[in-house]
Protein backbone atom coordinates (compact mmCIF):
# COMPACT_ATOMS: atom_id res chain seq x y z
CA MET A 1 -0.61 10.30 82.69
CA THR A 2 -2.48 13.09 84.50
CA ALA A 3 -4.83 12.51 87.44
CA PRO A 4 -7.96 13.49 85.44
CA VAL A 5 -7.04 10.93 82.74
CA VAL A 6 -6.61 8.25 85.40
CA ARG A 7 -10.04 9.16 86.80
CA LEU A 8 -11.52 8.94 83.33
CA LEU A 9 -9.92 5.53 82.84
CA ARG A 10 -11.52 4.32 86.07
CA TRP A 11 -14.89 5.05 84.52
CA THR A 12 -14.03 2.67 81.67
CA ARG A 13 -13.46 -0.27 84.04
CA PRO A 14 -16.50 -2.27 82.76
CA THR A 15 -14.97 -2.42 79.27
CA ARG A 16 -11.49 -3.53 80.35
CA PRO A 17 -11.93 -7.14 79.12
CA THR A 18 -12.83 -5.84 75.65
CA THR A 19 -9.98 -3.34 75.75
CA THR A 20 -7.57 -6.12 76.73
CA LEU A 21 -8.71 -8.19 73.75
CA ALA A 22 -8.21 -5.14 71.52
CA VAL A 23 -4.65 -4.75 72.83
CA LEU A 24 -3.93 -8.42 72.17
CA ALA A 25 -5.38 -8.12 68.67
CA GLY A 26 -3.22 -5.05 68.03
CA THR A 27 -0.15 -6.89 69.30
CA ALA A 28 -0.99 -9.83 67.03
CA THR A 29 -1.27 -7.38 64.09
CA VAL A 30 2.24 -6.04 64.62
CA CYS A 31 3.67 -9.49 65.33
CA CYS A 32 2.12 -10.82 62.12
CA GLY A 33 3.70 -7.90 60.28
CA VAL A 34 7.10 -8.69 61.78
CA GLY A 35 6.58 -12.37 61.03
CA LEU A 36 5.54 -11.57 57.46
CA PHE A 37 8.62 -9.43 56.78
CA ALA A 38 10.98 -11.85 58.51
CA THR A 39 9.56 -14.92 56.76
CA ALA A 40 9.50 -13.17 53.40
CA GLY A 41 13.13 -12.14 53.89
CA TRP A 42 14.12 -15.69 54.77
CA LEU A 43 12.14 -17.08 51.80
CA ILE A 44 13.67 -14.71 49.24
CA SER A 45 17.22 -15.10 50.58
CA ARG A 46 16.97 -18.85 50.87
CA ALA A 47 15.40 -19.14 47.42
CA ALA A 48 18.41 -17.30 46.00
CA GLN A 49 20.50 -20.27 47.11
CA HIS A 50 18.41 -22.61 44.87
CA PRO A 51 17.49 -25.20 47.48
CA ASP A 52 15.03 -28.04 46.96
CA ILE A 53 11.49 -26.66 46.67
CA ALA A 54 10.37 -28.73 49.64
CA ALA A 55 12.71 -26.68 51.85
CA LEU A 56 10.66 -23.56 51.06
CA ALA A 57 7.18 -25.03 51.52
CA VAL A 58 6.83 -24.16 55.20
CA ALA A 59 7.97 -20.58 54.57
CA VAL A 60 5.47 -20.18 51.73
CA VAL A 61 2.64 -21.28 54.01
CA ALA A 62 3.94 -19.02 56.80
CA VAL A 63 3.92 -15.99 54.49
CA ARG A 64 0.27 -16.67 53.64
CA PHE A 65 -0.58 -17.21 57.30
CA PHE A 66 1.06 -14.01 58.47
CA GLY A 67 -0.43 -12.00 55.57
CA ILE A 68 -3.97 -13.18 56.24
CA GLY A 69 -3.51 -13.09 60.02
CA ARG A 70 -2.34 -9.49 59.91
CA GLY A 71 -5.52 -8.35 58.16
CA VAL A 72 -7.79 -10.39 60.44
CA ALA A 73 -6.02 -9.18 63.59
CA ARG A 74 -6.18 -5.54 62.43
CA TYR A 75 -9.92 -5.87 61.82
CA ALA A 76 -10.41 -7.46 65.24
CA GLU A 77 -8.39 -4.72 66.92
CA ARG A 78 -10.44 -1.96 65.28
CA LEU A 79 -13.70 -3.71 66.05
CA LEU A 80 -12.86 -4.43 69.70
CA SER A 81 -11.29 -1.04 70.49
CA HIS A 82 -14.20 0.90 69.00
CA ASP A 83 -16.70 -1.38 70.69
CA ALA A 84 -15.00 -0.70 74.04
CA ALA A 85 -14.96 3.04 73.29
CA MET A 86 -18.65 3.15 72.37
CA ARG A 87 -19.64 1.09 75.42
CA SER A 88 -17.57 3.37 77.64
CA LEU A 89 -19.23 6.45 76.17
CA ALA A 90 -22.64 4.87 76.73
CA ASP A 91 -21.67 4.40 80.39
CA VAL A 92 -19.84 7.68 80.97
CA ARG A 93 -22.32 10.06 79.35
CA PRO A 94 -25.24 9.16 81.69
CA ARG A 95 -22.85 9.55 84.65
CA VAL A 96 -21.95 13.03 83.47
CA PHE A 97 -25.56 14.10 82.97
CA ALA A 98 -26.60 12.56 86.29
CA ARG A 99 -23.89 14.63 87.96
CA LEU A 100 -24.95 17.79 86.11
CA VAL A 101 -28.61 17.53 87.14
CA PRO A 102 -28.08 18.73 90.74
CA LEU A 103 -25.51 21.32 89.57
CA THR A 104 -27.41 23.19 86.86
CA PRO A 105 -29.97 24.95 89.09
CA ALA A 106 -27.05 26.53 90.94
CA ALA A 107 -26.16 28.36 87.69
CA LEU A 108 -22.77 26.99 86.71
CA PRO A 109 -20.49 29.91 85.77
CA LEU A 110 -20.18 28.81 82.13
CA ARG A 111 -21.65 30.00 78.88
CA SER A 112 -24.07 27.50 77.36
CA GLY A 113 -21.81 26.81 74.36
CA ASP A 114 -18.80 26.15 76.61
CA LEU A 115 -20.84 23.83 78.82
CA LEU A 116 -22.13 22.01 75.73
CA ALA A 117 -18.56 21.59 74.46
CA ARG A 118 -17.55 20.09 77.79
CA VAL A 119 -20.39 17.62 78.19
CA VAL A 120 -20.34 16.54 74.53
CA GLY A 121 -16.89 17.11 73.03
CA ASP A 122 -14.87 16.52 76.19
CA VAL A 123 -16.83 13.37 77.04
CA ASP A 124 -15.85 12.08 73.60
CA ALA A 125 -12.28 12.16 74.91
CA VAL A 126 -13.10 8.72 76.35
CA GLN A 127 -13.22 7.40 72.80
CA ASP A 128 -9.89 8.98 71.84
CA LEU A 129 -8.36 7.84 75.11
CA LEU A 130 -9.10 4.19 74.37
CA VAL A 131 -8.80 4.06 70.57
CA ARG A 132 -5.93 6.51 70.01
CA GLY A 133 -4.25 6.49 73.41
CA LEU A 134 -4.33 3.43 75.61
CA THR A 135 -4.64 0.64 73.03
CA PRO A 136 -1.78 1.77 70.72
CA ALA A 137 0.53 2.50 73.69
CA VAL A 138 0.16 -0.93 75.31
CA THR A 139 0.27 -2.61 71.90
CA ALA A 140 3.57 -0.87 71.15
CA LEU A 141 5.05 -2.09 74.42
CA LEU A 142 4.05 -5.74 73.91
CA ALA A 143 4.84 -5.87 70.20
CA GLY A 144 8.16 -4.05 70.68
CA LEU A 145 9.22 -6.57 73.29
CA ALA A 146 8.23 -9.46 71.02
CA ALA A 147 10.12 -8.05 68.01
CA THR A 148 13.21 -7.28 70.10
CA GLY A 149 13.09 -10.80 71.53
CA LEU A 150 13.01 -12.32 68.03
CA VAL A 151 15.99 -10.25 66.87
CA ALA A 152 17.83 -11.05 70.10
CA PHE A 153 17.35 -14.74 69.42
CA LEU A 154 18.79 -14.35 65.91
CA PHE A 155 21.57 -11.80 66.53
CA PRO A 156 21.86 -10.21 70.04
CA PRO A 157 24.01 -7.19 69.04
CA ALA A 158 21.34 -6.09 66.58
CA ALA A 159 18.68 -6.42 69.31
CA VAL A 160 20.52 -3.84 71.41
CA LEU A 161 20.45 -1.34 68.54
CA LEU A 162 16.81 -2.16 67.79
CA ALA A 163 15.80 -1.71 71.44
CA ALA A 164 17.54 1.68 71.54
CA GLY A 165 15.78 2.76 68.33
CA LEU A 166 12.40 1.59 69.60
CA LEU A 167 12.89 3.44 72.89
CA LEU A 168 13.89 6.59 71.05
CA GLY A 169 10.99 6.32 68.62
CA GLY A 170 8.48 5.17 71.23
CA ILE A 171 9.40 7.44 74.14
CA GLY A 172 11.78 10.17 73.01
CA VAL A 173 9.87 11.35 69.94
CA PRO A 174 6.43 11.25 71.64
CA ALA A 175 7.82 13.13 74.66
CA LEU A 176 9.21 15.80 72.33
CA VAL A 177 5.92 16.01 70.46
CA ALA A 178 3.97 16.27 73.73
CA ALA A 179 6.17 19.17 74.82
CA TRP A 180 5.77 20.91 71.46
CA SER A 181 2.00 20.49 71.38
CA ARG A 182 1.20 21.20 75.03
CA ARG A 183 0.82 24.94 74.75
CA SER A 184 -0.81 25.01 71.31
CA GLY A 185 -3.11 22.13 72.28
CA ARG A 186 -4.30 23.96 75.39
CA ALA A 187 -4.82 27.12 73.40
CA ALA A 188 -6.73 25.17 70.71
CA ALA A 189 -9.05 23.65 73.34
CA GLU A 190 -9.75 27.08 74.83
CA ALA A 191 -10.30 28.56 71.36
CA GLN A 192 -12.73 25.76 70.51
CA ALA A 193 -14.66 26.41 73.72
CA ARG A 194 -14.83 30.14 72.96
CA LEU A 195 -15.96 29.46 69.39
CA SER A 196 -18.68 27.06 70.58
CA ALA A 197 -19.87 29.59 73.14
CA ASP A 198 -19.87 32.40 70.54
CA VAL A 199 -21.84 30.36 68.01
CA ALA A 200 -24.36 29.24 70.64
CA GLY A 201 -24.75 32.83 71.78
CA ILE A 202 -25.35 34.04 68.21
CA LEU A 203 -27.98 31.36 67.61
CA ASP A 204 -29.72 32.03 70.92
CA GLY A 205 -29.72 35.80 70.49
CA ALA A 206 -30.18 36.00 66.72
CA ALA A 207 -33.39 38.03 66.93
CA ASP A 208 -31.90 40.58 69.32
CA LEU A 209 -28.71 40.87 67.26
CA LEU A 210 -30.71 41.49 64.10
CA ALA A 211 -32.96 44.02 65.81
CA ALA A 212 -29.97 45.93 67.19
CA GLY A 213 -28.05 45.77 63.92
CA ALA A 214 -25.25 43.94 65.72
CA ALA A 215 -25.40 40.71 63.70
CA PRO A 216 -22.55 41.62 61.29
CA ARG A 217 -20.23 42.44 64.20
CA ALA A 218 -21.15 39.25 66.06
CA LEU A 219 -20.58 37.17 62.92
CA ALA A 220 -17.25 38.90 62.31
CA ASP A 221 -16.17 38.10 65.87
CA ALA A 222 -17.18 34.46 65.40
CA GLU A 223 -15.29 34.30 62.09
CA ALA A 224 -12.21 35.76 63.77
CA ALA A 225 -12.50 33.15 66.53
CA GLY A 226 -12.82 30.46 63.87
CA ARG A 227 -9.71 31.66 62.04
CA HIS A 228 -7.80 31.71 65.32
CA ARG A 229 -8.92 28.15 66.01
CA SER A 230 -7.85 27.11 62.48
CA ARG A 231 -4.39 28.62 62.96
CA LEU A 232 -3.94 26.69 66.18
CA ALA A 233 -5.17 23.50 64.49
CA ALA A 234 -2.68 24.07 61.68
CA ALA A 235 0.12 24.47 64.24
CA LEU A 236 -0.89 21.14 65.81
CA ALA A 237 -0.96 19.55 62.36
CA ARG A 238 2.56 20.80 61.64
CA THR A 239 3.69 19.32 64.94
CA GLY A 240 2.11 16.02 63.93
CA GLY A 241 3.84 16.12 60.57
CA ALA A 242 7.20 16.84 62.20
CA ALA A 243 6.59 13.90 64.55
CA VAL A 244 6.00 11.56 61.62
CA ALA A 245 9.20 12.79 59.97
CA LEU A 246 11.16 12.25 63.18
CA GLY A 247 9.70 8.76 63.52
CA VAL A 248 10.75 7.86 59.98
CA LEU A 249 14.20 9.31 60.63
CA VAL A 250 14.63 7.25 63.82
CA ALA A 251 13.36 4.09 62.10
CA GLY A 252 15.66 4.60 59.11
CA GLY A 253 18.66 5.39 61.29
CA THR A 254 18.06 2.32 63.44
CA VAL A 255 17.70 0.00 60.44
CA TRP A 256 20.91 1.40 58.93
CA ALA A 257 22.71 0.85 62.22
CA VAL A 258 21.41 -2.72 62.42
CA ALA A 259 22.40 -3.28 58.76
CA GLY A 260 25.94 -2.03 59.38
CA ARG A 261 26.40 -4.20 62.47
CA ALA A 262 24.87 -7.30 60.84
CA ALA A 263 26.79 -6.83 57.58
CA SER A 264 30.03 -6.58 59.51
CA ALA A 265 29.22 -9.81 61.33
CA THR A 266 28.33 -11.49 58.03
CA ALA A 267 31.61 -10.40 56.49
CA ARG A 268 33.43 -12.01 59.41
CA GLY A 269 31.40 -15.18 59.02
CA GLU A 270 29.60 -14.72 62.34
CA LEU A 271 26.15 -14.37 60.69
CA ASP A 272 24.91 -16.16 57.59
CA PRO A 273 23.36 -14.03 54.78
CA VAL A 274 19.86 -15.51 55.17
CA THR A 275 19.72 -14.55 58.84
CA LEU A 276 21.03 -11.10 57.89
CA ALA A 277 17.96 -10.55 55.68
CA VAL A 278 15.64 -11.78 58.42
CA VAL A 279 17.19 -9.46 61.04
CA LEU A 280 17.01 -6.42 58.77
CA LEU A 281 13.40 -6.92 57.70
CA ALA A 282 12.23 -7.84 61.21
CA SER A 283 13.86 -4.66 62.54
CA LEU A 284 12.16 -2.58 59.86
CA ALA A 285 8.74 -4.12 60.58
CA ALA A 286 9.15 -3.64 64.33
CA PHE A 287 8.76 0.12 63.94
CA GLU A 288 5.14 -0.40 62.99
CA ALA A 289 4.58 -0.77 66.74
CA VAL A 290 5.92 2.70 67.67
CA ALA A 291 4.88 4.61 64.55
CA PRO A 292 1.50 5.69 66.09
CA LEU A 293 3.03 6.80 69.41
CA PRO A 294 3.67 10.48 68.52
CA ALA A 295 -0.03 10.72 67.66
CA VAL A 296 -0.74 8.88 70.91
CA ALA A 297 1.15 11.58 72.81
CA VAL A 298 -0.98 14.26 71.17
CA ALA A 299 -4.18 12.25 71.84
CA LEU A 300 -3.26 11.71 75.50
CA GLY A 301 -2.51 15.41 75.88
CA ALA A 302 -5.88 16.30 74.37
CA ALA A 303 -7.59 13.68 76.54
CA GLY A 304 -5.90 15.14 79.60
CA ARG A 305 -7.08 18.65 78.77
CA SER A 306 -10.61 17.38 78.04
CA ALA A 307 -10.68 15.38 81.27
CA THR A 308 -9.48 18.41 83.24
CA ARG A 309 -12.17 20.64 81.72
CA LEU A 310 -14.80 17.99 82.29
CA PHE A 311 -13.92 17.39 85.94
CA ASP A 312 -13.73 21.14 86.54
CA VAL A 313 -17.48 21.06 85.94
CA LEU A 314 -18.24 17.74 87.62
CA ASP A 315 -16.22 18.57 90.73
CA ALA A 316 -18.17 21.74 91.39
CA PRO A 317 -19.72 21.50 94.87
CA ILE A 318 -23.29 20.22 94.78
CA PRO A 319 -25.49 22.93 96.29
CA VAL A 320 -27.99 20.44 97.72
CA THR A 321 -27.04 17.50 99.94
CA GLU A 322 -28.96 14.23 99.95
CA PRO A 323 -29.66 12.48 103.28
CA GLY A 324 -28.01 9.16 104.02
CA VAL A 325 -31.30 7.69 105.25
CA PRO A 326 -34.11 9.81 103.81
CA ALA A 327 -37.28 10.40 105.78
CA GLU A 328 -40.66 9.48 104.37
CA PRO A 329 -42.41 12.51 102.85
CA PRO A 330 -45.50 13.74 104.73
CA LEU A 331 -48.99 12.89 103.53
CA GLY A 332 -51.79 15.40 103.09
CA PRO A 333 -51.44 19.20 103.29
CA VAL A 334 -48.06 20.44 104.47
CA THR A 335 -46.74 23.49 106.30
CA VAL A 336 -43.53 25.17 105.15
CA ARG A 337 -41.60 27.33 107.59
CA LEU A 338 -38.39 29.31 107.12
CA SER A 339 -36.61 29.99 110.40
CA GLY A 340 -33.72 32.46 110.46
CA VAL A 341 -32.70 31.47 106.93
CA GLY A 342 -29.48 32.87 105.47
CA VAL A 343 -27.98 32.28 102.03
CA ARG A 344 -24.84 33.57 100.39
CA TYR A 345 -23.13 32.54 97.17
CA ALA A 346 -19.52 32.59 98.39
CA PRO A 347 -17.89 32.47 101.85
CA GLU A 348 -16.91 36.16 101.71
CA ALA A 349 -19.95 37.34 99.74
CA PRO A 350 -22.72 39.41 101.33
CA TRP A 351 -25.82 37.56 102.49
CA ALA A 352 -28.43 37.22 99.74
CA LEU A 353 -30.90 36.23 102.49
CA ASP A 354 -30.24 37.15 106.09
CA GLY A 355 -32.39 35.92 108.98
CA VAL A 356 -35.57 35.43 106.98
CA ASP A 357 -38.63 33.97 108.72
CA LEU A 358 -41.66 32.90 106.72
CA ASP A 359 -44.71 30.68 107.35
CA LEU A 360 -46.75 28.93 104.65
CA PRO A 361 -49.53 26.97 106.34
CA PRO A 362 -52.00 24.99 104.17
CA GLY A 363 -54.20 27.16 101.97
CA ARG A 364 -52.34 30.41 102.68
CA ARG A 365 -51.24 32.68 99.84
CA VAL A 366 -48.18 34.83 100.51
CA ALA A 367 -46.59 37.36 98.17
CA VAL A 368 -42.92 38.38 98.36
CA ILE A 369 -41.92 41.70 96.84
CA GLY A 370 -38.86 43.89 96.87
CA ALA A 371 -36.40 45.72 94.67
CA SER A 372 -34.17 43.81 92.25
CA GLY A 373 -31.41 42.04 94.18
CA SER A 374 -33.39 41.94 97.42
CA GLY A 375 -33.29 38.11 97.56
CA LYS A 376 -36.70 37.17 96.12
CA SER A 377 -35.45 34.65 93.56
CA THR A 378 -32.96 33.25 96.08
CA LEU A 379 -35.90 32.55 98.38
CA ALA A 380 -37.71 30.74 95.55
CA ALA A 381 -34.57 28.74 94.69
CA LEU A 382 -34.35 27.67 98.33
CA LEU A 383 -37.91 26.34 98.26
CA PHE A 384 -37.32 24.61 94.92
CA ARG A 385 -34.34 22.88 96.58
CA PHE A 386 -31.93 24.32 94.04
CA ARG A 387 -29.62 25.06 96.96
CA ASP A 388 -29.38 24.60 100.73
CA ALA A 389 -29.57 27.34 103.32
CA ASP A 390 -26.22 28.45 104.73
CA ALA A 391 -27.85 29.50 108.00
CA GLY A 392 -31.15 28.75 109.67
CA ARG A 393 -33.55 26.00 108.58
CA VAL A 394 -36.27 25.32 106.04
CA LEU A 395 -38.86 23.09 107.70
CA LEU A 396 -41.44 20.85 106.08
CA ASP A 397 -44.09 19.84 108.59
CA GLY A 398 -41.59 20.57 111.35
CA ARG A 399 -38.66 18.59 109.84
CA ASP A 400 -35.65 20.04 108.06
CA VAL A 401 -36.07 19.62 104.30
CA ARG A 402 -32.55 18.15 104.21
CA ALA A 403 -33.99 15.07 105.91
CA PHE A 404 -36.00 14.28 102.75
CA ARG A 405 -34.89 13.24 99.28
CA THR A 406 -34.66 16.25 96.98
CA ASP A 407 -37.07 14.71 94.48
CA ASP A 408 -39.62 14.09 97.25
CA VAL A 409 -39.43 17.73 98.33
CA ARG A 410 -39.83 18.91 94.75
CA ARG A 411 -42.97 16.80 94.39
CA LEU A 412 -44.39 18.59 97.44
CA ILE A 413 -43.08 22.09 96.62
CA GLY A 414 -43.14 23.02 92.94
CA GLY A 415 -44.25 25.69 90.53
CA ILE A 416 -42.72 28.13 88.07
CA PRO A 417 -39.02 28.96 88.38
CA ALA A 418 -37.62 32.21 87.05
CA ASP A 419 -37.51 32.16 83.23
CA PRO A 420 -39.12 28.73 82.69
CA HIS A 421 -37.78 26.83 79.69
CA VAL A 422 -39.93 25.73 76.76
CA PHE A 423 -38.49 22.78 74.85
CA ALA A 424 -38.51 22.47 71.06
CA GLY A 425 -41.35 19.92 70.98
CA THR A 426 -45.10 20.05 70.83
CA LEU A 427 -47.50 21.64 73.28
CA GLN A 428 -48.47 18.21 74.58
CA GLN A 429 -44.86 17.08 75.04
CA ASN A 430 -43.99 20.23 76.97
CA LEU A 431 -47.01 19.99 79.24
CA GLN A 432 -46.52 16.28 79.89
CA LEU A 433 -43.06 16.99 81.31
CA ALA A 434 -44.89 17.79 84.53
CA LEU A 435 -46.76 14.45 84.54
CA PRO A 436 -45.59 11.89 81.96
CA GLY A 437 -48.49 9.77 80.80
CA ALA A 438 -51.16 12.37 81.56
CA ASP A 439 -54.16 11.87 79.26
CA VAL A 440 -55.82 14.54 77.14
CA ALA A 441 -58.59 15.10 79.69
CA GLN A 442 -56.02 15.98 82.37
CA LEU A 443 -54.15 18.25 79.96
CA GLU A 444 -57.33 20.05 78.97
CA GLU A 445 -58.32 20.56 82.61
CA VAL A 446 -55.08 22.36 83.54
CA ALA A 447 -54.96 24.18 80.19
CA GLN A 448 -58.46 25.52 80.92
CA ALA A 449 -57.37 26.64 84.39
CA ALA A 450 -54.30 28.36 82.90
CA GLY A 451 -56.34 30.07 80.18
CA LEU A 452 -54.72 28.16 77.30
CA LEU A 453 -57.39 25.73 76.16
CA ASP A 454 -59.33 28.00 73.78
CA TRP A 455 -56.11 28.99 72.03
CA ILE A 456 -54.94 25.39 71.73
CA ARG A 457 -58.29 24.30 70.26
CA SER A 458 -58.04 27.08 67.68
CA LEU A 459 -54.75 25.73 66.33
CA PRO A 460 -54.88 23.45 63.24
CA LEU A 461 -52.67 20.85 64.92
CA GLY A 462 -54.06 21.36 68.41
CA TRP A 463 -51.96 19.63 71.06
CA SER A 464 -49.51 18.47 68.36
CA THR A 465 -48.52 22.05 67.48
CA PRO A 466 -44.70 22.55 67.55
CA VAL A 467 -43.73 25.42 69.83
CA GLY A 468 -40.30 26.11 68.30
CA GLN A 469 -36.91 26.52 69.93
CA ARG A 470 -37.43 27.98 73.44
CA GLY A 471 -41.11 28.46 72.59
CA SER A 472 -40.36 30.91 69.77
CA ARG A 473 -43.76 30.24 68.14
CA MET A 474 -45.61 31.30 71.29
CA SER A 475 -46.15 34.75 72.75
CA GLY A 476 -44.67 35.66 76.11
CA GLY A 477 -48.06 35.36 77.78
CA GLN A 478 -48.68 31.94 76.24
CA ARG A 479 -45.30 30.70 77.47
CA GLN A 480 -46.10 31.84 81.00
CA ARG A 481 -49.54 30.23 80.84
CA LEU A 482 -47.93 26.99 79.65
CA ALA A 483 -45.57 27.13 82.64
CA LEU A 484 -48.56 27.68 84.94
CA ALA A 485 -50.37 24.73 83.36
CA GLN A 486 -47.29 22.58 83.97
CA ALA A 487 -47.25 23.62 87.62
CA LEU A 488 -50.95 22.83 88.01
CA LEU A 489 -50.57 19.46 86.29
CA ALA A 490 -47.73 18.51 88.67
CA ASP A 491 -50.14 19.48 91.49
CA PRO A 492 -47.63 20.19 94.29
CA ARG A 493 -48.89 20.77 97.82
CA VAL A 494 -47.11 24.16 97.86
CA LEU A 495 -47.07 26.28 94.70
CA VAL A 496 -44.11 28.65 94.24
CA LEU A 497 -44.39 31.16 91.41
CA ASP A 498 -41.17 33.10 90.76
CA GLU A 499 -41.87 36.24 88.71
CA PRO A 500 -44.59 34.56 86.59
CA THR A 501 -45.34 37.81 84.74
CA ALA A 502 -41.74 38.84 84.01
CA HIS A 503 -41.05 40.24 80.51
CA LEU A 504 -44.76 40.54 79.66
CA ASP A 505 -46.54 43.60 78.33
CA PRO A 506 -49.08 45.26 80.69
CA GLU A 507 -52.12 43.66 79.04
CA SER A 508 -50.62 40.14 79.12
CA ARG A 509 -49.37 40.70 82.66
CA THR A 510 -52.84 41.63 83.87
CA ALA A 511 -54.42 38.62 82.16
CA VAL A 512 -51.84 36.16 83.50
CA LEU A 513 -52.15 37.55 87.05
CA ALA A 514 -55.93 37.18 86.91
CA THR A 515 -55.49 33.57 85.80
CA ILE A 516 -53.03 32.92 88.62
CA LEU A 517 -55.37 34.34 91.24
CA THR A 518 -58.18 32.13 89.99
CA ALA A 519 -56.02 29.01 89.67
CA THR A 520 -54.41 29.36 93.11
CA ALA A 521 -57.60 29.94 95.10
CA GLY A 522 -57.46 27.62 98.11
CA ARG A 523 -53.88 26.51 97.30
CA THR A 524 -50.81 27.09 99.45
CA THR A 525 -48.98 29.61 97.28
CA LEU A 526 -45.86 31.76 97.42
CA LEU A 527 -45.93 34.46 94.75
CA VAL A 528 -42.62 36.21 94.06
CA THR A 529 -43.39 39.27 92.00
CA HIS A 530 -42.76 42.89 91.08
CA ASP A 531 -46.41 43.37 90.15
CA LEU A 532 -48.74 45.01 92.65
CA ALA A 533 -52.13 44.14 91.14
CA ALA A 534 -52.43 40.74 92.83
CA LEU A 535 -51.26 41.84 96.28
CA PRO A 536 -54.65 42.88 97.70
CA GLU A 537 -55.80 39.27 97.18
CA MET A 538 -52.89 37.80 99.17
CA ASP A 539 -53.23 36.67 102.78
CA GLU A 540 -49.83 38.17 103.58
CA VAL A 541 -47.28 40.36 101.80
CA VAL A 542 -43.59 40.15 102.74
CA VAL A 543 -41.24 42.97 101.70
CA LEU A 544 -37.56 42.02 101.30
CA ASP A 545 -34.77 44.59 101.39
CA ALA A 546 -31.13 43.51 100.98
CA GLY A 547 -32.01 39.96 102.00
CA ARG A 548 -33.91 40.93 105.17
CA VAL A 549 -37.62 41.11 105.89
CA ALA A 550 -38.33 44.85 105.99
CA GLN A 551 -42.14 44.68 106.27
CA ARG A 552 -44.85 42.05 106.49
CA GLY A 553 -48.63 42.08 106.84
CA THR A 554 -51.80 42.26 104.77
CA HIS A 555 -52.25 44.76 101.97
CA GLU A 556 -54.30 47.06 104.19
CA GLU A 557 -51.87 46.83 107.12
CA LEU A 558 -48.87 47.71 104.96
CA LEU A 559 -50.65 50.65 103.34
CA ALA A 560 -51.30 52.01 106.81
CA GLU A 561 -47.60 52.18 107.76
CA ALA A 562 -44.80 54.18 106.24
CA GLY A 563 -42.30 52.22 104.22
CA PHE A 564 -41.41 50.65 100.91
CA TYR A 565 -44.84 49.11 100.35
CA ARG A 566 -46.79 52.34 100.69
CA ASP A 567 -44.21 54.18 98.59
CA VAL A 568 -44.46 51.78 95.63
CA TRP A 569 -48.26 51.88 95.77
CA ALA A 570 -48.12 55.67 95.73
CA LEU A 571 -45.87 55.55 92.66
CA GLU A 572 -48.21 53.05 91.00
CA ALA A 573 -51.16 55.34 91.65
């Protein structure tokens, strides 16, 4: 069993009592089957000798008991094992999402479809691990020992043959199947991840694909990926079929060997004919215990691959550390200061920010501009606490932000991240994400400040209007205004706006910038932007170049000196 599977099993510890009961119920199922076959064999053989009917009464009752008990035990095993699996999933899934929350802002290097497959499909491996892996394997061990013990009590030489057959069928065949399916199983998992990522990409970019005339090619690629996945699934199915055939062959060979040895003993008078029938039928029924084990080997292999893929995501380093004993967040207006801050995304990578100093005292509005790749969005991510600085310090009222809980910092420093997400709900539901429980009066106040209220009131459904997937029923300007309204409703002490006019047409960009300038009057604000129109209204403009501060000052001061700022204003003019 691989280390990731063992780690996954540790997460199922709360359901171990239920899983243990499921194993016992499964063992009882197989034992009842062995008892049923053995008792039926004794009853038929003994009845052939025409004894008094009273001599068969106990056996008749035993047959009924084992027949009914087998069905009841099987039902209990299914009920208990699935209950344990569902309870484990209910416990594991929140753990996974709780772990993903601090990771996602750091932009995990996975396509959305692949990530979805890991946190949904691979988490479901917990269910397969318990229902198709652990429970049948332990049941086979206990039931195999019980059946071998019964046969050993009746005829020890046959027990040796039965034990060898059970070991071959329960260990040899599954090991062979695991070896056969390892490569194709890994390839099938990777193909499934690629297919999920391709389908998610097609759905997300359907409009662009249609506009570019690339939809047929994208669909053809997805169909090819689906056919490849089907071929791999068929190969796994053939392996499963071969495993079943091998299992039947081992079971048949073992029973024939037991029959030959027992018949020889009967011919010599060492074993009576009735016991012969019992030994044969008990040996045949014992293979019910190991029959599922080839499938168990495949399930454990799949669970191992799923667990590995899952922990590859969950073991990614968390970009933000939480303090052991968090400090109390400051009250009232706050001052944010960056002192010699450096950030890079890999140990050998160039610095995305290098020695940056920045002051945001209460009420001050600062704009950060620069060419693409200059470090503007990295600076915003730092303030949003999406990652920690690799050098220097970010101070909040004179204390390192790492001394505070991340959630406390985000309540003090908030705003609009790059490319804000709009969820497929209503306008009210999306806006209330910033302040759950906010009443309509509060929503209307921030919507008015963001320039959305008149539009919302013009809609037939008003606040209950669905916005579509990713806000597809809204214009770009409306989505940005909704993001601004969310930021205003959250009411952070420091407002960080990361490219709030990105992807907008000139008219919408001008209108949104005017709204931002009005809404941020008197607020501590950091505006990260490519647009120049709002810069004359800022208290300070900081120019970044390759992660360093190249220029800083007011609009008038920067126009008076040669450099990037004056050059871009000349181009704008």
